């Protein structure tokens, strides 16, 4: 058997050092490892040092196997964490293997680390992230998300342009311009008549009819009626009907009420129905009701 000095000479002659110091990148304070983006054929170097704790944090359940674990001063395992305090007799460049089995079942992944001794310097935390999908799948998903975002941006631009068009159109609308453009008035103009009710149906002290005005254009009739609210709660019209003497309802009645009628106060409600000017209407009955049971029926209304 050769003496130790002879073995050292042989090693030196072969040109292969017994111990190799860690690379500069191995001694970061915080080292993040993304397995899906940085596949490695060799063990990843992690800088460790006697007296300095190194923590591993995995993004999934991990089972670890540590070479020469009995030499370590402290090894604490968690479901997805590992904390270790290296052996005090580590020398510069000494390497110990750490193997981690990540995940469960068929999706398990094995990763190997090389704990490299570097006295006075250590990586305090190693964060390990993995993804069960291949890199190509991630790139495809990213491309799809980018395309989706681009479509949304395009739709947003189209919507913004449409809103600008509608805003410009709205600013140009209103008043006699709309009546003329929509052929609602002719040389006969808008006819107006006061609406006098006949035989008002009692509304059980809730609403009282005060006055009304009827309007007629070439294509519609409208009525503004003023009501007094005698109930203790505000009243807002939610629906109603306009019926002729034969019980036929004029379809498509539209309502407008700018604000609720407060208790003890008066307020107006405007109704409109599409009717051509030459159609004979006779006396009409208007009924208005709120979301509950409070309503008023006003018969005998004669429009221009």
C-alpha atoms as a PDB file:
ATOM      1  CA  UNK A   1       0.000   0.000   0.000  1.00  0.00           C
ATOM      2  CA  UNK A   2       1.336   3.403  -0.984  1.00  0.00           C
ATOM      3  CA  UNK A   3       1.817   6.039   1.710  1.00  0.00           C
ATOM      4  CA  UNK A   4      -0.472   9.119   1.646  1.00  0.00           C
ATOM      5  CA  UNK A   5       2.326  11.294   0.286  1.00  0.00           C
ATOM      6  CA  UNK A   6       2.643   9.020  -2.735  1.00  0.00           C
ATOM      7  CA  UNK A   7      -1.117   9.245  -3.425  1.00  0.00           C
ATOM      8  CA  UNK A   8      -0.918  13.031  -3.350  1.00  0.00           C
ATOM      9  CA  UNK A   9       1.948  12.969  -5.844  1.00  0.00           C
ATOM     10  CA  UNK A  10      -0.031  10.712  -8.192  1.00  0.00           C
ATOM     11  CA  UNK A  11      -3.035  13.017  -8.087  1.00  0.00           C
ATOM     12  CA  UNK A  12      -0.924  16.080  -8.771  1.00  0.00           C
ATOM     13  CA  UNK A  13       0.763  14.339 -11.667  1.00  0.00           C
ATOM     14  CA  UNK A  14      -2.632  13.455 -13.179  1.00  0.00           C
ATOM     15  CA  UNK A  15      -3.572  17.148 -13.064  1.00  0.00           C
ATOM     16  CA  UNK A  16      -6.978  16.571 -11.375  1.00  0.00           C
ATOM     17  CA  UNK A  17      -7.612  18.539  -8.181  1.00  0.00           C
ATOM     18  CA  UNK A  18      -9.248  16.748  -5.284  1.00  0.00           C
ATOM     19  CA  UNK A  19     -11.541  19.682  -4.528  1.00  0.00           C
ATOM     20  CA  UNK A  20     -12.921  22.346  -6.818  1.00  0.00           C
ATOM     21  CA  UNK A  21     -14.114  25.722  -5.473  1.00  0.00           C
ATOM     22  CA  UNK A  22     -17.645  26.811  -6.334  1.00  0.00           C
ATOM     23  CA  UNK A  23     -18.385  29.127  -9.230  1.00  0.00           C
ATOM     24  CA  UNK A  24     -19.145  32.769  -8.566  1.00  0.00           C
ATOM     25  CA  UNK A  25     -22.862  32.267  -9.304  1.00  0.00           C
ATOM     26  CA  UNK A  26     -23.133  29.606  -6.603  1.00  0.00           C
ATOM     27  CA  UNK A  27     -22.702  32.106  -3.782  1.00  0.00           C
ATOM     28  CA  UNK A  28     -25.703  34.365  -4.328  1.00  0.00           C
ATOM     29  CA  UNK A  29     -27.628  35.434  -1.212  1.00  0.00           C
ATOM     30  CA  UNK A  30     -30.884  34.345  -2.908  1.00  0.00           C
ATOM     31  CA  UNK A  31     -30.912  31.826  -5.725  1.00  0.00           C
ATOM     32  CA  UNK A  32     -34.088  31.256  -7.784  1.00  0.00           C
ATOM     33  CA  UNK A  33     -34.219  28.139  -9.929  1.00  0.00           C
ATOM     34  CA  UNK A  34     -36.996  27.673 -12.507  1.00  0.00           C
ATOM     35  CA  UNK A  35     -36.742  24.074 -13.644  1.00  0.00           C
ATOM     36  CA  UNK A  36     -39.017  24.403 -16.691  1.00  0.00           C
ATOM     37  CA  UNK A  37     -37.053  27.344 -18.086  1.00  0.00           C
ATOM     38  CA  UNK A  38     -33.560  26.185 -17.178  1.00  0.00           C
ATOM     39  CA  UNK A  39     -33.197  22.420 -17.659  1.00  0.00           C
ATOM     40  CA  UNK A  40     -29.819  21.144 -16.453  1.00  0.00           C
ATOM     41  CA  UNK A  41     -27.996  17.910 -17.214  1.00  0.00           C
ATOM     42  CA  UNK A  42     -25.651  18.333 -14.243  1.00  0.00           C
ATOM     43  CA  UNK A  43     -26.226  19.108 -10.586  1.00  0.00           C
ATOM     44  CA  UNK A  44     -26.901  22.736  -9.750  1.00  0.00           C
ATOM     45  CA  UNK A  45     -24.269  24.257  -7.473  1.00  0.00           C
ATOM     46  CA  UNK A  46     -25.395  25.750  -4.180  1.00  0.00           C
ATOM     47  CA  UNK A  47     -22.863  27.569  -2.025  1.00  0.00           C
ATOM     48  CA  UNK A  48     -22.791  26.452   1.641  1.00  0.00           C
ATOM     49  CA  UNK A  49     -20.525  27.322   4.557  1.00  0.00           C
ATOM     50  CA  UNK A  50     -19.950  26.020   8.095  1.00  0.00           C
ATOM     51  CA  UNK A  51     -21.902  28.102  10.592  1.00  0.00           C
ATOM     52  CA  UNK A  52     -24.267  29.566   7.970  1.00  0.00           C
ATOM     53  CA  UNK A  53     -27.809  28.242   7.473  1.00  0.00           C
ATOM     54  CA  UNK A  54     -29.078  27.477   3.961  1.00  0.00           C
ATOM     55  CA  UNK A  55     -32.837  27.132   3.326  1.00  0.00           C
ATOM     56  CA  UNK A  56     -34.528  25.417   0.378  1.00  0.00           C
ATOM     57  CA  UNK A  57     -38.102  26.402  -0.546  1.00  0.00           C
ATOM     58  CA  UNK A  58     -39.925  24.297  -3.160  1.00  0.00           C
ATOM     59  CA  UNK A  59     -43.238  25.213  -4.812  1.00  0.00           C
ATOM     60  CA  UNK A  60     -44.521  21.655  -4.313  1.00  0.00           C
ATOM     61  CA  UNK A  61     -44.118  18.728  -1.912  1.00  0.00           C
ATOM     62  CA  UNK A  62     -40.508  17.561  -1.826  1.00  0.00           C
ATOM     63  CA  UNK A  63     -38.717  14.424  -0.576  1.00  0.00           C
ATOM     64  CA  UNK A  64     -34.992  15.027  -0.114  1.00  0.00           C
ATOM     65  CA  UNK A  65     -31.974  12.768   0.239  1.00  0.00           C
ATOM     66  CA  UNK A  66     -28.820  14.363   1.683  1.00  0.00           C
ATOM     67  CA  UNK A  67     -25.358  12.841   1.344  1.00  0.00           C
ATOM     68  CA  UNK A  68     -23.536  12.398   4.674  1.00  0.00           C
ATOM     69  CA  UNK A  69     -26.528  13.811   6.540  1.00  0.00           C
ATOM     70  CA  UNK A  70     -25.107  12.613   9.872  1.00  0.00           C
ATOM     71  CA  UNK A  71     -22.244  15.115   9.502  1.00  0.00           C
ATOM     72  CA  UNK A  72     -24.608  18.114   9.399  1.00  0.00           C
ATOM     73  CA  UNK A  73     -25.195  20.048  12.599  1.00  0.00           C
ATOM     74  CA  UNK A  74     -28.872  20.547  11.799  1.00  0.00           C
ATOM     75  CA  UNK A  75     -31.303  19.318   9.119  1.00  0.00           C
ATOM     76  CA  UNK A  76     -34.950  20.360   9.350  1.00  0.00           C
ATOM     77  CA  UNK A  77     -37.470  19.058   6.821  1.00  0.00           C
ATOM     78  CA  UNK A  78     -40.889  20.511   6.016  1.00  0.00           C
ATOM     79  CA  UNK A  79     -43.484  19.479   3.451  1.00  0.00           C
ATOM     80  CA  UNK A  80     -41.922  21.790   0.884  1.00  0.00           C
ATOM     81  CA  UNK A  81     -38.932  23.209   2.765  1.00  0.00           C
ATOM     82  CA  UNK A  82     -35.485  22.108   3.905  1.00  0.00           C
ATOM     83  CA  UNK A  83     -33.154  23.945   6.288  1.00  0.00           C
ATOM     84  CA  UNK A  84     -29.623  22.756   6.874  1.00  0.00           C
ATOM     85  CA  UNK A  85     -26.532  23.817   8.837  1.00  0.00           C
ATOM     86  CA  UNK A  86     -23.474  22.284   7.115  1.00  0.00           C
ATOM     87  CA  UNK A  87     -20.795  20.201   8.837  1.00  0.00           C
ATOM     88  CA  UNK A  88     -18.199  22.291  10.689  1.00  0.00           C
ATOM     89  CA  UNK A  89     -15.333  20.339   9.071  1.00  0.00           C
ATOM     90  CA  UNK A  90     -16.175  21.266   5.464  1.00  0.00           C
ATOM     91  CA  UNK A  91     -13.171  22.395   3.448  1.00  0.00           C
ATOM     92  CA  UNK A  92     -13.071  24.711   0.471  1.00  0.00           C
ATOM     93  CA  UNK A  93     -14.491  23.069  -2.631  1.00  0.00           C
ATOM     94  CA  UNK A  94     -15.870  19.978  -0.903  1.00  0.00           C
ATOM     95  CA  UNK A  95     -19.118  18.818  -2.496  1.00  0.00           C
ATOM     96  CA  UNK A  96     -22.086  17.000  -0.994  1.00  0.00           C
ATOM     97  CA  UNK A  97     -25.018  15.794  -3.072  1.00  0.00           C
ATOM     98  CA  UNK A  98     -28.632  16.782  -2.337  1.00  0.00           C
ATOM     99  CA  UNK A  99     -31.394  15.062  -4.327  1.00  0.00           C
ATOM    100  CA  UNK A 100     -35.005  16.255  -4.232  1.00  0.00           C
ATOM    101  CA  UNK A 101     -38.013  14.371  -5.570  1.00  0.00           C
ATOM    102  CA  UNK A 102     -40.708  16.934  -6.369  1.00  0.00           C
ATOM    103  CA  UNK A 103     -44.451  16.370  -6.681  1.00  0.00           C
ATOM    104  CA  UNK A 104     -46.554  13.209  -6.602  1.00  0.00           C
ATOM    105  CA  UNK A 105     -47.425  10.288  -8.821  1.00  0.00           C
ATOM    106  CA  UNK A 106     -46.558  10.355 -12.510  1.00  0.00           C
ATOM    107  CA  UNK A 107     -45.712  14.050 -12.394  1.00  0.00           C
ATOM    108  CA  UNK A 108     -42.790  13.605 -10.029  1.00  0.00           C
ATOM    109  CA  UNK A 109     -39.552  15.313 -11.000  1.00  0.00           C
ATOM    110  CA  UNK A 110     -36.052  14.630  -9.698  1.00  0.00           C
ATOM    111  CA  UNK A 111     -33.539  17.433  -9.316  1.00  0.00           C
ATOM    112  CA  UNK A 112     -29.974  17.212  -7.996  1.00  0.00           C
ATOM    113  CA  UNK A 113     -28.001  19.919  -6.234  1.00  0.00           C
ATOM    114  CA  UNK A 114     -24.305  20.028  -5.400  1.00  0.00           C
ATOM    115  CA  UNK A 115     -23.651  21.672  -2.032  1.00  0.00           C
ATOM    116  CA  UNK A 116     -20.235  23.285  -2.500  1.00  0.00           C
ATOM    117  CA  UNK A 117     -18.235  24.398   0.537  1.00  0.00           C
ATOM    118  CA  UNK A 118     -17.066  27.997   0.503  1.00  0.00           C
ATOM    119  CA  UNK A 119     -16.102  29.156   4.029  1.00  0.00           C
ATOM    120  CA  UNK A 120     -17.554  32.535   4.937  1.00  0.00           C
ATOM    121  CA  UNK A 121     -20.061  32.662   2.058  1.00  0.00           C
ATOM    122  CA  UNK A 122     -23.355  30.832   1.572  1.00  0.00           C
ATOM    123  CA  UNK A 123     -26.610  31.035  -0.326  1.00  0.00           C
ATOM    124  CA  UNK A 124     -29.102  31.736   2.447  1.00  0.00           C
ATOM    125  CA  UNK A 125     -32.231  30.783   0.476  1.00  0.00           C
ATOM    126  CA  UNK A 126     -32.780  28.640  -2.589  1.00  0.00           C
ATOM    127  CA  UNK A 127     -36.234  28.918  -4.218  1.00  0.00           C
ATOM    128  CA  UNK A 128     -37.093  26.109  -6.619  1.00  0.00           C
ATOM    129  CA  UNK A 129     -40.019  26.446  -9.044  1.00  0.00           C
ATOM    130  CA  UNK A 130     -41.212  23.867 -11.488  1.00  0.00           C
ATOM    131  CA  UNK A 131     -44.048  23.484 -14.009  1.00  0.00           C
ATOM    132  CA  UNK A 132     -45.504  20.140 -14.999  1.00  0.00           C
ATOM    133  CA  UNK A 133     -46.001  21.301 -18.602  1.00  0.00           C
ATOM    134  CA  UNK A 134     -43.206  21.450 -21.167  1.00  0.00           C
ATOM    135  CA  UNK A 135     -41.701  24.770 -22.119  1.00  0.00           C
ATOM    136  CA  UNK A 136     -43.375  24.664 -25.534  1.00  0.00           C
ATOM    137  CA  UNK A 137     -46.781  24.521 -23.829  1.00  0.00           C
ATOM    138  CA  UNK A 138     -45.948  27.579 -21.739  1.00  0.00           C
ATOM    139  CA  UNK A 139     -44.778  29.461 -24.803  1.00  0.00           C
ATOM    140  CA  UNK A 140     -47.960  28.548 -26.653  1.00  0.00           C
ATOM    141  CA  UNK A 141     -50.090  29.725 -23.730  1.00  0.00           C
ATOM    142  CA  UNK A 142     -48.143  32.976 -23.600  1.00  0.00           C
ATOM    143  CA  UNK A 143     -48.669  33.512 -27.332  1.00  0.00           C
ATOM    144  CA  UNK A 144     -52.399  32.864 -26.927  1.00  0.00           C
ATOM    145  CA  UNK A 145     -52.640  35.328 -24.061  1.00  0.00           C
ATOM    146  CA  UNK A 146     -50.788  37.967 -26.077  1.00  0.00           C
ATOM    147  CA  UNK A 147     -53.116  37.417 -29.037  1.00  0.00           C
ATOM    148  CA  UNK A 148     -56.144  37.617 -26.751  1.00  0.00           C
ATOM    149  CA  UNK A 149     -54.905  40.860 -25.225  1.00  0.00           C
ATOM    150  CA  UNK A 150     -54.325  42.283 -28.701  1.00  0.00           C
ATOM    151  CA  UNK A 151     -57.885  41.397 -29.712  1.00  0.00           C
ATOM    152  CA  UNK A 152     -59.206  43.074 -26.583  1.00  0.00           C
ATOM    153  CA  UNK A 153     -57.166  46.183 -27.365  1.00  0.00           C
ATOM    154  CA  UNK A 154     -58.545  46.240 -30.897  1.00  0.00           C
ATOM    155  CA  UNK A 155     -62.103  45.856 -29.614  1.00  0.00           C
ATOM    156  CA  UNK A 156     -61.473  48.612 -27.090  1.00  0.00           C
ATOM    157  CA  UNK A 157     -60.276  50.937 -29.841  1.00  0.00           C
ATOM    158  CA  UNK A 158     -63.328  50.103 -31.957  1.00  0.00           C
ATOM    159  CA  UNK A 159     -65.636  50.719 -28.993  1.00  0.00           C
ATOM    160  CA  UNK A 160     -63.912  54.021 -28.248  1.00  0.00           C
ATOM    161  CA  UNK A 161     -64.323  55.129 -31.858  1.00  0.00           C
ATOM    162  CA  UNK A 162     -67.998  54.102 -31.792  1.00  0.00           C
ATOM    163  CA  UNK A 163     -68.562  56.042 -28.561  1.00  0.00           C
ATOM    164  CA  UNK A 164     -66.962  59.105 -30.108  1.00  0.00           C
ATOM    165  CA  UNK A 165     -69.308  58.797 -33.084  1.00  0.00           C
ATOM    166  CA  UNK A 166     -72.333  58.413 -30.808  1.00  0.00           C
ATOM    167  CA  UNK A 167     -71.194  61.364 -28.699  1.00  0.00           C
ATOM    168  CA  UNK A 168     -70.898  63.534 -31.799  1.00  0.00           C
ATOM    169  CA  UNK A 169     -74.309  62.360 -32.986  1.00  0.00           C
ATOM    170  CA  UNK A 170     -75.821  63.047 -29.563  1.00  0.00           C
ATOM    171  CA  UNK A 171     -74.424  66.574 -29.551  1.00  0.00           C
ATOM    172  CA  UNK A 172     -76.121  67.181 -32.895  1.00  0.00           C
ATOM    173  CA  UNK A 173     -79.448  65.687 -31.805  1.00  0.00           C
ATOM    174  CA  UNK A 174     -82.414  67.152 -29.955  1.00  0.00           C
ATOM    175  CA  UNK A 175     -84.925  69.916 -30.467  1.00  0.00           C
ATOM    176  CA  UNK A 176     -86.677  70.544 -33.758  1.00  0.00           C
ATOM    177  CA  UNK A 177     -83.748  68.966 -35.638  1.00  0.00           C
ATOM    178  CA  UNK A 178     -84.799  65.494 -34.475  1.00  0.00           C
ATOM    179  CA  UNK A 179     -88.469  66.131 -35.169  1.00  0.00           C
ATOM    180  CA  UNK A 180     -87.718  67.268 -38.694  1.00  0.00           C
ATOM    181  CA  UNK A 181     -85.119  64.545 -39.410  1.00  0.00           C
ATOM    182  CA  UNK A 182     -87.438  61.791 -38.123  1.00  0.00           C
ATOM    183  CA  UNK A 183     -90.426  63.174 -40.098  1.00  0.00           C
ATOM    184  CA  UNK A 184     -92.417  63.663 -36.918  1.00  0.00           C
ATOM    185  CA  UNK A 185     -93.836  67.040 -37.927  1.00  0.00           C
ATOM    186  CA  UNK A 186     -95.143  68.437 -41.173  1.00  0.00           C
ATOM    187  CA  UNK A 187     -96.679  71.791 -42.018  1.00  0.00           C
ATOM    188  CA  UNK A 188     -99.325  70.999 -39.395  1.00  0.00           C
ATOM    189  CA  UNK A 189     -96.683  71.192 -36.667  1.00  0.00           C
ATOM    190  CA  UNK A 190     -97.404  69.859 -33.166  1.00  0.00           C
ATOM    191  CA  UNK A 191    -101.022  70.136 -32.031  1.00  0.00           C
ATOM    192  CA  UNK A 192    -101.698  70.753 -28.339  1.00  0.00           C
ATOM    193  CA  UNK A 193    -104.849  70.371 -26.274  1.00  0.00           C
ATOM    194  CA  UNK A 194    -105.654  70.423 -22.589  1.00  0.00           C
ATOM    195  CA  UNK A 195    -106.756  67.026 -21.314  1.00  0.00           C
ATOM    196  CA  UNK A 196    -109.938  67.084 -19.287  1.00  0.00           C
ATOM    197  CA  UNK A 197    -110.766  63.860 -17.542  1.00  0.00           C
ATOM    198  CA  UNK A 198    -114.278  62.535 -17.185  1.00  0.00           C
ATOM    199  CA  UNK A 199    -115.421  60.406 -14.273  1.00  0.00           C
ATOM    200  CA  UNK A 200    -112.019  59.952 -12.638  1.00  0.00           C
ATOM    201  CA  UNK A 201    -111.666  56.502 -11.061  1.00  0.00           C
ATOM    202  CA  UNK A 202    -110.887  56.904  -7.334  1.00  0.00           C
ATOM    203  CA  UNK A 203    -107.347  55.920  -6.375  1.00  0.00           C
ATOM    204  CA  UNK A 204    -108.095  55.355  -2.689  1.00  0.00           C
ATOM    205  CA  UNK A 205    -106.513  58.634  -1.637  1.00  0.00           C
ATOM    206  CA  UNK A 206    -103.120  57.773  -3.140  1.00  0.00           C
ATOM    207  CA  UNK A 207    -102.939  59.876  -6.313  1.00  0.00           C
ATOM    208  CA  UNK A 208    -104.967  62.820  -7.573  1.00  0.00           C
ATOM    209  CA  UNK A 209    -105.119  64.020 -11.180  1.00  0.00           C
ATOM    210  CA  UNK A 210    -104.460  67.792 -11.325  1.00  0.00           C
ATOM    211  CA  UNK A 211    -104.085  68.648 -15.020  1.00  0.00           C
ATOM    212  CA  UNK A 212    -102.922  67.282 -18.347  1.00  0.00           C
ATOM    213  CA  UNK A 213    -101.819  68.413 -21.816  1.00  0.00           C
ATOM    214  CA  UNK A 214    -102.091  66.308 -24.978  1.00  0.00           C
ATOM    215  CA  UNK A 215     -99.735  66.548 -27.948  1.00  0.00           C
ATOM    216  CA  UNK A 216     -99.962  65.113 -31.455  1.00  0.00           C
ATOM    217  CA  UNK A 217     -97.364  64.953 -34.210  1.00  0.00           C
ATOM    218  CA  UNK A 218     -97.474  63.197 -37.550  1.00  0.00           C
ATOM    219  CA  UNK A 219     -96.446  59.857 -35.996  1.00  0.00           C
ATOM    220  CA  UNK A 220     -97.292  59.869 -32.296  1.00  0.00           C
ATOM    221  CA  UNK A 221     -99.387  61.209 -29.463  1.00  0.00           C
ATOM    222  CA  UNK A 222     -98.072  62.227 -26.052  1.00  0.00           C
ATOM    223  CA  UNK A 223     -99.548  63.349 -22.779  1.00  0.00           C
ATOM    224  CA  UNK A 224     -98.086  65.133 -19.790  1.00  0.00           C
ATOM    225  CA  UNK A 225    -100.174  64.636 -16.683  1.00  0.00           C
ATOM    226  CA  UNK A 226     -99.642  66.233 -13.300  1.00  0.00           C
ATOM    227  CA  UNK A 227    -100.413  64.103 -10.256  1.00  0.00           C
ATOM    228  CA  UNK A 228    -100.499  64.771  -6.541  1.00  0.00           C
ATOM    229  CA  UNK A 229     -99.177  62.078  -4.237  1.00  0.00           C
ATOM    230  CA  UNK A 230    -101.205  61.831  -1.050  1.00  0.00           C
ATOM    231  CA  UNK A 231     -99.514  58.653   0.213  1.00  0.00           C
ATOM    232  CA  UNK A 232     -96.707  58.649   2.821  1.00  0.00           C
ATOM    233  CA  UNK A 233     -94.188  57.178   0.327  1.00  0.00           C
ATOM    234  CA  UNK A 234     -92.680  58.604  -2.884  1.00  0.00           C
ATOM    235  CA  UNK A 235     -94.392  57.437  -6.072  1.00  0.00           C
ATOM    236  CA  UNK A 236     -92.745  56.505  -9.374  1.00  0.00           C
ATOM    237  CA  UNK A 237     -94.556  55.248 -12.463  1.00  0.00           C
ATOM    238  CA  UNK A 238     -93.330  51.809 -13.498  1.00  0.00           C
ATOM    239  CA  UNK A 239     -95.919  50.935 -16.162  1.00  0.00           C
ATOM    240  CA  UNK A 240     -99.342  51.625 -17.484  1.00  0.00           C
ATOM    241  CA  UNK A 241    -101.671  51.484 -20.457  1.00  0.00           C
ATOM    242  CA  UNK A 242    -103.626  53.694 -22.850  1.00  0.00           C
ATOM    243  CA  UNK A 243    -106.916  52.085 -23.920  1.00  0.00           C
ATOM    244  CA  UNK A 244    -109.605  53.299 -26.380  1.00  0.00           C
ATOM    245  CA  UNK A 245    -113.366  53.200 -25.878  1.00  0.00           C
ATOM    246  CA  UNK A 246    -113.566  49.654 -27.262  1.00  0.00           C
ATOM    247  CA  UNK A 247    -111.035  48.325 -24.753  1.00  0.00           C
ATOM    248  CA  UNK A 248    -108.215  48.096 -27.299  1.00  0.00           C
ATOM    249  CA  UNK A 249    -104.834  48.969 -25.869  1.00  0.00           C
ATOM    250  CA  UNK A 250    -102.457  51.170 -27.848  1.00  0.00           C
ATOM    251  CA  UNK A 251     -99.258  49.171 -27.908  1.00  0.00           C
ATOM    252  CA  UNK A 252     -95.737  50.368 -27.183  1.00  0.00           C
ATOM    253  CA  UNK A 253     -96.424  53.081 -24.624  1.00  0.00           C
ATOM    254  CA  UNK A 254     -93.255  54.777 -23.404  1.00  0.00           C
ATOM    255  CA  UNK A 255     -92.886  56.505 -20.029  1.00  0.00           C
ATOM    256  CA  UNK A 256     -90.762  59.351 -18.752  1.00  0.00           C
ATOM    257  CA  UNK A 257     -90.654  60.627 -15.179  1.00  0.00           C
ATOM    258  CA  UNK A 258     -87.630  62.680 -14.222  1.00  0.00           C
ATOM    259  CA  UNK A 259     -88.007  62.194 -10.460  1.00  0.00           C
ATOM    260  CA  UNK A 260     -90.339  60.477  -7.979  1.00  0.00           C
ATOM    261  CA  UNK A 261     -93.331  62.422  -6.694  1.00  0.00           C
ATOM    262  CA  UNK A 262     -92.673  63.112  -3.015  1.00  0.00           C
ATOM    263  CA  UNK A 263     -95.425  62.613  -0.396  1.00  0.00           C
ATOM    264  CA  UNK A 264     -97.809  65.595  -0.380  1.00  0.00           C
ATOM    265  CA  UNK A 265     -96.272  67.001  -3.589  1.00  0.00           C
ATOM    266  CA  UNK A 266     -97.158  67.247  -7.268  1.00  0.00           C
ATOM    267  CA  UNK A 267     -95.123  65.887 -10.169  1.00  0.00           C
ATOM    268  CA  UNK A 268     -95.568  65.104 -13.830  1.00  0.00           C
ATOM    269  CA  UNK A 269     -95.401  61.951 -15.922  1.00  0.00           C
ATOM    270  CA  UNK A 270     -95.052  61.927 -19.706  1.00  0.00           C
ATOM    271  CA  UNK A 271     -96.393  59.082 -21.848  1.00  0.00           C
ATOM    272  CA  UNK A 272     -96.072  58.586 -25.607  1.00  0.00           C
ATOM    273  CA  UNK A 273     -97.528  56.107 -28.116  1.00  0.00           C
ATOM    274  CA  UNK A 274     -96.870  55.742 -31.851  1.00  0.00           C
ATOM    275  CA  UNK A 275    -100.051  56.747 -33.710  1.00  0.00           C
ATOM    276  CA  UNK A 276    -100.330  58.248 -37.196  1.00  0.00           C
ATOM    277  CA  UNK A 277    -101.984  61.637 -37.374  1.00  0.00           C
ATOM    278  CA  UNK A 278    -104.925  60.500 -39.527  1.00  0.00           C
ATOM    279  CA  UNK A 279    -105.973  57.718 -37.104  1.00  0.00           C
ATOM    280  CA  UNK A 280    -109.166  58.515 -35.179  1.00  0.00           C
ATOM    281  CA  UNK A 281    -108.766  57.803 -31.489  1.00  0.00           C
ATOM    282  CA  UNK A 282    -111.812  59.070 -29.645  1.00  0.00           C
ATOM    283  CA  UNK A 283    -111.709  59.112 -25.873  1.00  0.00           C
ATOM    284  CA  UNK A 284    -108.826  57.242 -24.243  1.00  0.00           C
ATOM    285  CA  UNK A 285    -108.296  55.934 -20.710  1.00  0.00           C
ATOM    286  CA  UNK A 286    -104.838  56.279 -19.163  1.00  0.00           C
ATOM    287  CA  UNK A 287    -103.728  54.041 -16.289  1.00  0.00           C
ATOM    288  CA  UNK A 288    -100.456  54.526 -14.440  1.00  0.00           C
ATOM    289  CA  UNK A 289     -99.077  52.285 -11.685  1.00  0.00           C
ATOM    290  CA  UNK A 290     -95.920  51.914  -9.624  1.00  0.00           C
ATOM    291  CA  UNK A 291     -94.015  48.750  -8.726  1.00  0.00           C
ATOM    292  CA  UNK A 292     -96.544  48.002  -6.009  1.00  0.00           C
ATOM    293  CA  UNK A 293    -100.324  48.393  -6.055  1.00  0.00           C
ATOM    294  CA  UNK A 294    -100.586  52.172  -6.091  1.00  0.00           C
ATOM    295  CA  UNK A 295    -102.157  53.342  -9.342  1.00  0.00           C
ATOM    296  CA  UNK A 296    -104.448  55.914 -10.933  1.00  0.00           C
ATOM    297  CA  UNK A 297    -106.887  55.592 -13.863  1.00  0.00           C
ATOM    298  CA  UNK A 298    -107.788  58.709 -15.852  1.00  0.00           C
ATOM    299  CA  UNK A 299    -110.666  58.173 -18.361  1.00  0.00           C
ATOM    300  CA  UNK A 300    -112.123  60.451 -21.037  1.00  0.00           C
ATOM    301  CA  UNK A 301    -108.883  61.916 -22.413  1.00  0.00           C
ATOM    302  CA  UNK A 302    -109.315  63.400 -25.897  1.00  0.00           C
ATOM    303  CA  UNK A 303    -106.170  64.110 -27.891  1.00  0.00           C
ATOM    304  CA  UNK A 304    -105.867  66.713 -30.671  1.00  0.00           C
END
